[in-house]
C-alpha atoms as a PDB file:
ATOM      1  CA  MET A   1       0.000   0.000   0.000  1.00  0.00           C
ATOM      2  CA  ASP A   2       1.195   3.512  -0.762  1.00  0.00           C
ATOM      3  CA  PHE A   3       1.324   5.784   2.277  1.00  0.00           C
ATOM      4  CA  TYR A   4       1.424   9.568   1.932  1.00  0.00           C
ATOM      5  CA  ILE A   5       2.214  11.465   5.126  1.00  0.00           C
ATOM      6  CA  VAL A   6       1.632  15.133   5.934  1.00  0.00           C
ATOM      7  CA  ILE A   7       3.334  16.563   9.024  1.00  0.00           C
ATOM      8  CA  PRO A   8       2.454  20.080  10.256  1.00  0.00           C
ATOM      9  CA  ALA A   9       5.414  21.372  12.279  1.00  0.00           C
ATOM     10  CA  HIS A  10       5.715  24.527  14.394  1.00  0.00           C
ATOM     11  CA  ASN A  11       9.078  25.053  16.141  1.00  0.00           C
ATOM     12  CA  GLU A  12       9.936  21.352  16.242  1.00  0.00           C
ATOM     13  CA  GLU A  13      13.677  21.430  15.460  1.00  0.00           C
ATOM     14  CA  ASP A  14      14.468  19.273  18.504  1.00  0.00           C
ATOM     15  CA  THR A  15      12.117  16.428  17.547  1.00  0.00           C
ATOM     16  CA  LEU A  16      11.539  16.736  13.802  1.00  0.00           C
ATOM     17  CA  GLY A  17      14.611  14.730  12.821  1.00  0.00           C
ATOM     18  CA  LEU A  18      13.687  11.920  15.192  1.00  0.00           C
ATOM     19  CA  THR A  19      10.199  11.724  13.687  1.00  0.00           C
ATOM     20  CA  LEU A  20      11.494  11.687  10.121  1.00  0.00           C
ATOM     21  CA  ASP A  21      14.167   9.084  10.907  1.00  0.00           C
ATOM     22  CA  SER A  22      11.546   6.765  12.397  1.00  0.00           C
ATOM     23  CA  LEU A  23       9.410   7.080   9.241  1.00  0.00           C
ATOM     24  CA  ILE A  24      12.185   6.864   6.656  1.00  0.00           C
ATOM     25  CA  THR A  25      13.476   3.606   8.176  1.00  0.00           C
ATOM     26  CA  GLN A  26      10.071   1.865   8.260  1.00  0.00           C
ATOM     27  CA  THR A  27       9.868  -1.760   7.098  1.00  0.00           C
ATOM     28  CA  LEU A  28       7.242  -0.389   4.687  1.00  0.00           C
ATOM     29  CA  PRO A  29       8.626   3.053   3.785  1.00  0.00           C
ATOM     30  CA  PRO A  30       6.108   5.807   2.991  1.00  0.00           C
ATOM     31  CA  LYS A  31       5.894   6.820  -0.658  1.00  0.00           C
ATOM     32  CA  LYS A  32       5.851  10.520   0.208  1.00  0.00           C
ATOM     33  CA  ILE A  33       6.400  12.644   3.305  1.00  0.00           C
ATOM     34  CA  VAL A  34       5.665  16.356   3.154  1.00  0.00           C
ATOM     35  CA  VAL A  35       6.382  18.539   6.168  1.00  0.00           C
ATOM     36  CA  VAL A  36       4.692  21.912   6.507  1.00  0.00           C
ATOM     37  CA  ASN A  37       7.024  24.267   8.327  1.00  0.00           C
ATOM     38  CA  ASP A  38       4.244  26.317   9.903  1.00  0.00           C
ATOM     39  CA  ASN A  39       5.554  29.731  10.881  1.00  0.00           C
ATOM     40  CA  SER A  40       8.501  28.311  12.801  1.00  0.00           C
ATOM     41  CA  THR A  41      11.003  30.710  14.306  1.00  0.00           C
ATOM     42  CA  ASP A  42      13.601  28.096  15.242  1.00  0.00           C
ATOM     43  CA  ASN A  43      15.952  26.043  13.044  1.00  0.00           C
ATOM     44  CA  SER A  44      13.225  23.759  11.623  1.00  0.00           C
ATOM     45  CA  GLU A  45      13.751  24.953   8.050  1.00  0.00           C
ATOM     46  CA  GLN A  46      17.431  23.981   7.998  1.00  0.00           C
ATOM     47  CA  VAL A  47      16.592  20.557   9.419  1.00  0.00           C
ATOM     48  CA  LEU A  48      14.074  20.098   6.598  1.00  0.00           C
ATOM     49  CA  ILE A  49      16.484  21.328   3.917  1.00  0.00           C
ATOM     50  CA  ASP A  50      18.956  18.658   5.019  1.00  0.00           C
ATOM     51  CA  TYR A  51      16.361  15.865   4.908  1.00  0.00           C
ATOM     52  CA  GLN A  52      14.919  16.983   1.575  1.00  0.00           C
ATOM     53  CA  GLU A  53      18.376  16.924   0.017  1.00  0.00           C
ATOM     54  CA  LYS A  54      19.126  13.474   1.414  1.00  0.00           C
ATOM     55  CA  TYR A  55      15.843  11.611   0.818  1.00  0.00           C
ATOM     56  CA  ASP A  56      13.778  11.495  -2.376  1.00  0.00           C
ATOM     57  CA  ASN A  57      10.501  10.830  -0.545  1.00  0.00           C
ATOM     58  CA  VAL A  58      10.819  13.836   1.805  1.00  0.00           C
ATOM     59  CA  SER A  59       9.785  17.371   0.870  1.00  0.00           C
ATOM     60  CA  PHE A  60       8.716  20.466   2.750  1.00  0.00           C
ATOM     61  CA  ILE A  61       7.028  23.800   2.290  1.00  0.00           C
ATOM     62  CA  ASN A  62       7.093  26.933   4.408  1.00  0.00           C
ATOM     63  CA  ASN A  63       3.781  28.329   5.579  1.00  0.00           C
ATOM     64  CA  ILE A  64       3.009  31.721   7.102  1.00  0.00           C
ATOM     65  CA  SER A  65       0.358  31.681   9.831  1.00  0.00           C
ATOM     66  CA  SER A  66      -0.292  32.832  13.377  1.00  0.00           C
ATOM     67  CA  VAL A  67       2.697  32.865  15.713  1.00  0.00           C
ATOM     68  CA  ASP A  68       0.547  31.164  18.377  1.00  0.00           C
ATOM     69  CA  HIS A  69       0.567  27.380  18.662  1.00  0.00           C
ATOM     70  CA  LEU A  70      -3.128  26.516  18.578  1.00  0.00           C
ATOM     71  CA  PRO A  71      -4.983  23.233  18.110  1.00  0.00           C
ATOM     72  CA  GLY A  72      -7.688  22.824  15.497  1.00  0.00           C
ATOM     73  CA  THR A  73      -7.971  25.287  12.643  1.00  0.00           C
ATOM     74  CA  LYS A  74      -4.310  26.321  12.507  1.00  0.00           C
ATOM     75  CA  ILE A  75      -3.076  22.730  12.419  1.00  0.00           C
ATOM     76  CA  ILE A  76      -5.579  21.612   9.781  1.00  0.00           C
ATOM     77  CA  ASN A  77      -4.867  24.667   7.629  1.00  0.00           C
ATOM     78  CA  ALA A  78      -1.210  23.643   7.717  1.00  0.00           C
ATOM     79  CA  PHE A  79      -2.157  20.050   6.882  1.00  0.00           C
ATOM     80  CA  TYR A  80      -3.994  21.198   3.751  1.00  0.00           C
ATOM     81  CA  LYS A  81      -0.989  23.246   2.659  1.00  0.00           C
ATOM     82  CA  GLY A  82       0.934  19.998   2.508  1.00  0.00           C
ATOM     83  CA  TYR A  83      -1.919  17.843   1.225  1.00  0.00           C
ATOM     84  CA  ASP A  84      -2.504  20.186  -1.705  1.00  0.00           C
ATOM     85  CA  THR A  85       1.043  19.570  -2.954  1.00  0.00           C
ATOM     86  CA  LEU A  86       0.391  15.826  -3.294  1.00  0.00           C
ATOM     87  CA  ASP A  87      -1.125  13.836  -6.131  1.00  0.00           C
ATOM     88  CA  ASP A  88      -3.990  11.433  -5.455  1.00  0.00           C
ATOM     89  CA  ASN A  89      -2.084   8.202  -6.073  1.00  0.00           C
ATOM     90  CA  TYR A  90      -2.135   7.140  -2.442  1.00  0.00           C
ATOM     91  CA  ASP A  91      -3.902   4.311  -0.655  1.00  0.00           C
ATOM     92  CA  ILE A  92      -3.519   5.736   2.859  1.00  0.00           C
ATOM     93  CA  ILE A  93      -3.186   9.399   3.826  1.00  0.00           C
ATOM     94  CA  CYS A  94      -1.697  10.201   7.227  1.00  0.00           C
ATOM     95  CA  LYS A  95      -1.643  13.321   9.358  1.00  0.00           C
ATOM     96  CA  PHE A  96       1.188  12.917  11.873  1.00  0.00           C
ATOM     97  CA  ASP A  97       2.690  15.263  14.433  1.00  0.00           C
ATOM     98  CA  ALA A  98       6.357  16.264  14.360  1.00  0.00           C
ATOM     99  CA  ASP A  99       7.186  15.028  17.869  1.00  0.00           C
ATOM    100  CA  LEU A 100       6.624  11.278  17.484  1.00  0.00           C
ATOM    101  CA  ILE A 101       8.926   8.271  17.225  1.00  0.00           C
ATOM    102  CA  PHE A 102       7.272   5.359  15.418  1.00  0.00           C
ATOM    103  CA  PRO A 103       8.227   1.689  15.803  1.00  0.00           C
ATOM    104  CA  LYS A 104       9.865   0.319  12.647  1.00  0.00           C
ATOM    105  CA  ASN A 105       6.911  -1.883  11.726  1.00  0.00           C
ATOM    106  CA  TYR A 106       4.285   0.810  12.236  1.00  0.00           C
ATOM    107  CA  LEU A 107       3.208   1.423   8.633  1.00  0.00           C
ATOM    108  CA  GLU A 108       3.543  -2.243   7.648  1.00  0.00           C
ATOM    109  CA  THR A 109       1.262  -3.238  10.514  1.00  0.00           C
ATOM    110  CA  LEU A 110      -1.308  -0.613   9.545  1.00  0.00           C
ATOM    111  CA  ALA A 111      -1.172  -1.838   5.944  1.00  0.00           C
ATOM    112  CA  ASN A 112      -1.896  -5.389   7.130  1.00  0.00           C
ATOM    113  CA  HIS A 113      -4.939  -4.152   9.045  1.00  0.00           C
ATOM    114  CA  PHE A 114      -6.239  -2.204   6.049  1.00  0.00           C
ATOM    115  CA  ASN A 115      -5.692  -5.155   3.708  1.00  0.00           C
ATOM    116  CA  LYS A 116      -7.542  -7.575   6.001  1.00  0.00           C
ATOM    117  CA  ASN A 117     -10.637  -5.369   6.344  1.00  0.00           C
ATOM    118  CA  LYS A 118     -11.843  -3.479   3.288  1.00  0.00           C
ATOM    119  CA  ARG A 119     -14.240  -1.432   5.448  1.00  0.00           C
ATOM    120  CA  LEU A 120     -11.494  -0.316   7.803  1.00  0.00           C
ATOM    121  CA  GLY A 121     -11.435   3.436   7.361  1.00  0.00           C
ATOM    122  CA  MET A 122      -8.949   4.527  10.033  1.00  0.00           C
ATOM    123  CA  ALA A 123      -6.217   2.824  12.064  1.00  0.00           C
ATOM    124  CA  ALA A 124      -3.448   3.747  14.505  1.00  0.00           C
ATOM    125  CA  GLY A 125      -1.357   2.728  17.479  1.00  0.00           C
ATOM    126  CA  PHE A 126      -1.104   4.457  20.855  1.00  0.00           C
ATOM    127  CA  CYS A 127       0.866   7.441  22.103  1.00  0.00           C
ATOM    128  CA  TYR A 128       3.234   6.890  25.023  1.00  0.00           C
ATOM    129  CA  ILE A 129       4.890   9.603  27.102  1.00  0.00           C
ATOM    130  CA  GLU A 130       7.950   9.397  29.326  1.00  0.00           C
ATOM    131  CA  ARG A 131       7.217   9.605  33.029  1.00  0.00           C
ATOM    132  CA  ASN A 132       9.916   9.090  35.655  1.00  0.00           C
ATOM    133  CA  GLY A 133      12.107   7.269  33.163  1.00  0.00           C
ATOM    134  CA  THR A 134       9.336   4.926  31.985  1.00  0.00           C
ATOM    135  CA  TRP A 135       7.213   5.123  28.842  1.00  0.00           C
ATOM    136  CA  VAL A 136       3.528   4.973  29.790  1.00  0.00           C
ATOM    137  CA  ILE A 137       0.387   5.302  27.712  1.00  0.00           C
ATOM    138  CA  GLU A 138      -0.825   8.894  27.341  1.00  0.00           C
ATOM    139  CA  GLY A 139      -4.326   8.026  28.431  1.00  0.00           C
ATOM    140  CA  LEU A 140      -6.206  11.223  27.679  1.00  0.00           C
ATOM    141  CA  THR A 141      -8.977   9.539  25.704  1.00  0.00           C
ATOM    142  CA  GLU A 142     -10.805   6.254  25.283  1.00  0.00           C
ATOM    143  CA  LYS A 143      -8.646   3.461  23.858  1.00  0.00           C
ATOM    144  CA  GLU A 144     -10.827   3.113  20.767  1.00  0.00           C
ATOM    145  CA  HIS A 145     -10.206   6.774  19.864  1.00  0.00           C
ATOM    146  CA  ILE A 146      -7.384   7.604  17.465  1.00  0.00           C
ATOM    147  CA  ARG A 147      -5.396  10.584  18.639  1.00  0.00           C
ATOM    148  CA  GLY A 148      -5.040  13.588  16.353  1.00  0.00           C
ATOM    149  CA  ALA A 149      -1.275  13.157  16.485  1.00  0.00           C
ATOM    150  CA  LEU A 150      -1.267   9.947  14.443  1.00  0.00           C
ATOM    151  CA  LYS A 151      -4.195   9.716  12.067  1.00  0.00           C
ATOM    152  CA  ALA A 152      -4.168   7.296   9.110  1.00  0.00           C
ATOM    153  CA  TYR A 153      -7.121   7.130   6.689  1.00  0.00           C
ATOM    154  CA  ARG A 154      -8.043   4.860   3.825  1.00  0.00           C
ATOM    155  CA  LYS A 155      -8.416   7.125   0.805  1.00  0.00           C
ATOM    156  CA  SER A 156     -12.094   6.328   0.141  1.00  0.00           C
ATOM    157  CA  CYS A 157     -13.003   6.908   3.794  1.00  0.00           C
ATOM    158  CA  PHE A 158     -11.046  10.169   3.894  1.00  0.00           C
ATOM    159  CA  LEU A 159     -12.926  11.478   0.882  1.00  0.00           C
ATOM    160  CA  GLU A 160     -16.351  10.275   2.023  1.00  0.00           C
ATOM    161  CA  ILE A 161     -16.132  12.045   5.400  1.00  0.00           C
ATOM    162  CA  GLY A 162     -15.267  15.272   3.587  1.00  0.00           C
ATOM    163  CA  LYS A 163     -11.594  15.143   4.599  1.00  0.00           C
ATOM    164  CA  LEU A 164     -10.635  17.070   7.761  1.00  0.00           C
ATOM    165  CA  LYS A 165     -12.680  19.884   9.322  1.00  0.00           C
ATOM    166  CA  ARG A 166     -10.867  23.148   9.974  1.00  0.00           C
ATOM    167  CA  SER A 167     -11.864  23.291  13.626  1.00  0.00           C
ATOM    168  CA  MET A 168     -10.962  22.186  17.122  1.00  0.00           C
ATOM    169  CA  GLY A 169     -12.500  18.751  17.530  1.00  0.00           C
ATOM    170  CA  TRP A 170     -11.623  17.680  13.976  1.00  0.00           C
ATOM    171  CA  ASP A 171     -10.101  14.461  15.348  1.00  0.00           C
ATOM    172  CA  THR A 172     -13.411  13.471  16.914  1.00  0.00           C
ATOM    173  CA  ILE A 173     -15.581  14.585  14.018  1.00  0.00           C
ATOM    174  CA  ASP A 174     -13.625  12.431  11.559  1.00  0.00           C
ATOM    175  CA  GLU A 175     -14.233   9.251  13.549  1.00  0.00           C
ATOM    176  CA  GLN A 176     -17.892   9.981  14.144  1.00  0.00           C
ATOM    177  CA  LEU A 177     -18.472  10.654  10.461  1.00  0.00           C
ATOM    178  CA  ALA A 178     -16.532   7.535   9.500  1.00  0.00           C
ATOM    179  CA  MET A 179     -18.873   5.460  11.651  1.00  0.00           C
ATOM    180  CA  PHE A 180     -21.873   7.365  10.277  1.00  0.00           C
ATOM    181  CA  TYR A 181     -20.834   6.151   6.823  1.00  0.00           C
ATOM    182  CA  ASN A 182     -20.321   2.589   8.110  1.00  0.00           C
ATOM    183  CA  TRP A 183     -16.537   2.571   8.217  1.00  0.00           C
ATOM    184  CA  SER A 184     -14.767   0.789  11.062  1.00  0.00           C
ATOM    185  CA  ILE A 185     -11.902   2.131  13.191  1.00  0.00           C
ATOM    186  CA  LYS A 186      -9.037   0.150  14.706  1.00  0.00           C
ATOM    187  CA  THR A 187      -6.485   0.927  17.393  1.00  0.00           C
ATOM    188  CA  ASP A 188      -3.596  -1.530  17.786  1.00  0.00           C
ATOM    189  CA  GLU A 189      -2.212  -1.792  21.315  1.00  0.00           C
ATOM    190  CA  SER A 190       0.955  -3.474  20.035  1.00  0.00           C
ATOM    191  CA  LEU A 191       2.050  -0.256  18.312  1.00  0.00           C
ATOM    192  CA  HIS A 192       3.717   1.996  20.885  1.00  0.00           C
ATOM    193  CA  VAL A 193       4.488   5.461  19.519  1.00  0.00           C
ATOM    194  CA  LYS A 194       6.710   7.678  21.646  1.00  0.00           C
ATOM    195  CA  HIS A 195       5.154  11.114  22.064  1.00  0.00           C
ATOM    196  CA  LEU A 196       8.001  13.436  22.969  1.00  0.00           C
ATOM    197  CA  LYS A 197       5.876  16.430  23.966  1.00  0.00           C
ATOM    198  CA  PRO A 198       2.690  15.897  26.033  1.00  0.00           C
ATOM    199  CA  THR A 199      -0.480  16.998  24.280  1.00  0.00           C
ATOM    200  CA  GLY A 200      -1.264  20.659  24.813  1.00  0.00           C
ATOM    201  CA  ALA A 201       2.018  21.413  26.551  1.00  0.00           C
ATOM    202  CA  ASN A 202       2.837  24.255  24.174  1.00  0.00           C
ATOM    203  CA  TYR A 203      -0.642  25.438  23.207  1.00  0.00           C
ATOM    204  CA  ALA A 204      -1.224  29.177  23.453  1.00  0.00           C
ATOM    205  CA  LYS A 205      -3.656  30.626  25.986  1.00  0.00           C
ATOM    206  CA  GLY A 206      -6.095  31.439  23.197  1.00  0.00           C
ATOM    207  CA  SER A 207      -6.951  27.750  22.911  1.00  0.00           C
ATOM    208  CA  LYS A 208      -8.665  27.494  26.300  1.00  0.00           C
ATOM    209  CA  TYR A 209     -12.268  27.899  25.060  1.00  0.00           C
ATOM    210  CA  LEU A 210     -11.880  25.922  21.845  1.00  0.00           C
ATOM    211  CA  GLN A 211     -12.755  22.518  23.317  1.00  0.00           C
ATOM    212  CA  GLY A 212     -16.162  23.732  24.491  1.00  0.00           C
ATOM    213  CA  GLU A 213     -16.765  25.405  21.142  1.00  0.00           C
ATOM    214  CA  ALA A 214     -15.962  22.116  19.414  1.00  0.00           C
ATOM    215  CA  LEU A 215     -18.555  20.274  21.496  1.00  0.00           C
ATOM    216  CA  TYR A 216     -21.146  22.788  20.356  1.00  0.00           C
ATOM    217  CA  LYS A 217     -20.127  22.450  16.704  1.00  0.00           C
ATOM    218  CA  LEU A 218     -20.557  18.681  17.053  1.00  0.00           C
ATOM    219  CA  ARG A 219     -24.191  19.191  18.135  1.00  0.00           C
ATOM    220  CA  PHE A 220     -23.594  17.509  21.489  1.00  0.00           C
ATOM    221  CA  GLY A 221     -26.272  19.501  23.293  1.00  0.00           C
ATOM    222  CA  PHE A 222     -25.590  21.005  26.719  1.00  0.00           C
ATOM    223  CA  PRO A 223     -26.128  17.880  28.922  1.00  0.00           C
ATOM    224  CA  LEU A 224     -23.721  15.789  26.866  1.00  0.00           C
ATOM    225  CA  ALA A 225     -21.246  18.677  26.540  1.00  0.00           C
ATOM    226  CA  PHE A 226     -21.352  19.106  30.331  1.00  0.00           C
ATOM    227  CA  LEU A 227     -20.525  15.444  30.956  1.00  0.00           C
ATOM    228  CA  SER A 228     -17.816  15.379  28.273  1.00  0.00           C
ATOM    229  CA  SER A 229     -16.206  18.528  29.685  1.00  0.00           C
ATOM    230  CA  LEU A 230     -16.288  17.072  33.179  1.00  0.00           C
ATOM    231  CA  LYS A 231     -14.604  13.891  32.001  1.00  0.00           C
ATOM    232  CA  LEU A 232     -11.882  15.709  30.057  1.00  0.00           C
ATOM    233  CA  ALA A 233     -11.161  18.086  32.914  1.00  0.00           C
ATOM    234  CA  PHE A 234     -11.061  15.222  35.419  1.00  0.00           C
ATOM    235  CA  LYS A 235      -8.464  13.378  33.339  1.00  0.00           C
ATOM    236  CA  LYS A 236      -6.312  16.494  33.379  1.00  0.00           C
ATOM    237  CA  ARG A 237      -7.102  17.115  37.064  1.00  0.00           C
ATOM    238  CA  SER A 238      -8.213  20.685  36.417  1.00  0.00           C
ATOM    239  CA  LEU A 239     -11.432  22.401  37.555  1.00  0.00           C
ATOM    240  CA  LYS A 240     -10.268  25.475  35.649  1.00  0.00           C
ATOM    241  CA  LEU A 241     -10.365  23.541  32.379  1.00  0.00           C
ATOM    242  CA  PHE A 242     -13.911  22.381  33.075  1.00  0.00           C
ATOM    243  CA  ILE A 243     -15.044  25.979  33.551  1.00  0.00           C
ATOM    244  CA  GLU A 244     -13.253  27.053  30.371  1.00  0.00           C
ATOM    245  CA  TYR A 245     -14.835  24.229  28.371  1.00  0.00           C
ATOM    246  CA  ILE A 246     -18.325  25.156  29.534  1.00  0.00           C
ATOM    247  CA  LEU A 247     -17.708  28.845  28.883  1.00  0.00           C
ATOM    248  CA  GLY A 248     -16.495  27.949  25.399  1.00  0.00           C
ATOM    249  CA  TYR A 249     -19.711  26.017  24.748  1.00  0.00           C
ATOM    250  CA  ILE A 250     -21.878  28.890  26.013  1.00  0.00           C
ATOM    251  CA  LYS A 251     -19.965  31.451  23.944  1.00  0.00           C
ATOM    252  CA  ALA A 252     -20.510  29.327  20.840  1.00  0.00           C
ATOM    253  CA  LEU A 253     -24.198  28.841  21.689  1.00  0.00           C
ATOM    254  CA  PHE A 254     -24.921  32.563  21.960  1.00  0.00           C
ATOM    255  CA  GLY A 255     -22.314  33.720  19.453  1.00  0.00           C
ATOM    256  CA  GLY A 256     -23.930  32.354  16.317  1.00  0.00           C
ATOM    257  CA  THR A 257     -21.270  29.694  15.782  1.00  0.00           C
ATOM    258  CA  GLN A 258     -22.023  27.419  12.824  1.00  0.00           C
ATOM    259  CA  PHE A 259     -22.385  23.663  13.223  1.00  0.00           C
ATOM    260  CA  LEU A 260     -19.900  21.429  11.397  1.00  0.00           C
ATOM    261  CA  ILE A 261     -22.271  18.524  10.816  1.00  0.00           C
ATOM    262  CA  THR A 262     -25.855  17.960   9.710  1.00  0.00           C
ATOM    263  CA  LYS A 263     -28.785  17.351  12.070  1.00  0.00           C
ATOM    264  CA  GLU A 264     -28.858  13.690  11.041  1.00  0.00           C
ATOM    265  CA  GLN A 265     -25.163  13.296  11.787  1.00  0.00           C
ATOM    266  CA  GLY A 266     -25.602  15.108  15.105  1.00  0.00           C
ATOM    267  CA  HIS A 267     -28.404  12.750  16.087  1.00  0.00           C
ATOM    268  CA  PHE A 268     -26.192   9.774  15.236  1.00  0.00           C
ATOM    269  CA  ILE A 269     -23.330  11.119  17.372  1.00  0.00           C
ATOM    270  CA  ARG A 270     -25.519  11.916  20.390  1.00  0.00           C
ATOM    271  CA  LYS A 271     -27.188   8.509  20.241  1.00  0.00           C
ATOM    272  CA  ARG A 272     -23.820   6.728  20.242  1.00  0.00           C
ATOM    273  CA  ARG A 273     -22.461   8.872  23.072  1.00  0.00           C
ATOM    274  CA  TRP A 274     -25.469   8.357  25.325  1.00  0.00           C
ATOM    275  CA  LYS A 275     -25.403   4.642  24.604  1.00  0.00           C
ATOM    276  CA  LYS A 276     -21.783   4.454  25.754  1.00  0.00           C
ATOM    277  CA  ILE A 277     -22.516   6.454  28.892  1.00  0.00           C
ATOM    278  CA  LEU A 278     -25.500   4.310  29.838  1.00  0.00           C
ATOM    279  CA  LYS A 279     -23.497   1.128  29.194  1.00  0.00           C
ATOM    280  CA  LYS A 280     -20.805   2.277  31.624  1.00  0.00           C
ATOM    281  CA  VAL A 281     -23.337   3.303  34.273  1.00  0.00           C
ATOM    282  CA  PHE A 282     -25.426   0.148  34.083  1.00  0.00           C
END
């Protein structure tokens, strides 16, 4: 299978080479890797020049954007800058972060999963972070959820879900829409990906209300948004985050924010979420 990989990168000179090395040396090498140097002010560009000169399957482009490091729209805008430079001769399109180290068999294992199940739309391993000298799973989400840092999509699934939404919450919307269109999703616990920078560690302060706004855009409704915000904040041990999430939802509710999905898709998502909650309770 032909893998194309797009990597948005903002000030990642310390980790970018490690990520690229782990992808270039895969047992199933990617056909193309394009890195989007997104408004970096460090030495990322020189790192990318060196890799582009050395490897035929690596390229990069420079992108001018906000100086803030924000999740959601900024990252997906950068992704599309890279995606738009590619042809459509891929089987799997990946959006990876620039602070990951992949096991050597990562892409080959994903290819095996995709080949075995023709309705498999998305697949990934798990992010691990270093804690007290030990690599432990970065358990911020449910195990069946694929983290935004390491997304891999079958081409037909990627196109059917309308590609990636330019919004915070894009990495939840994609999975929900994939299931709406009867695609399956797989996470492989045998694939341990080292995540060198914990999620959100370098996000700018302007991102604090975006999670709540995303819940609104997903048509969660306030009760479900409340419970989801509580769960997320609890995992991060922060009451402040819970308040910010709820304020973000309320601001979106009264600010005329547009939904990202249809009513039918929203109904599908709410039904699945409530079903999961009730299953855990009872």
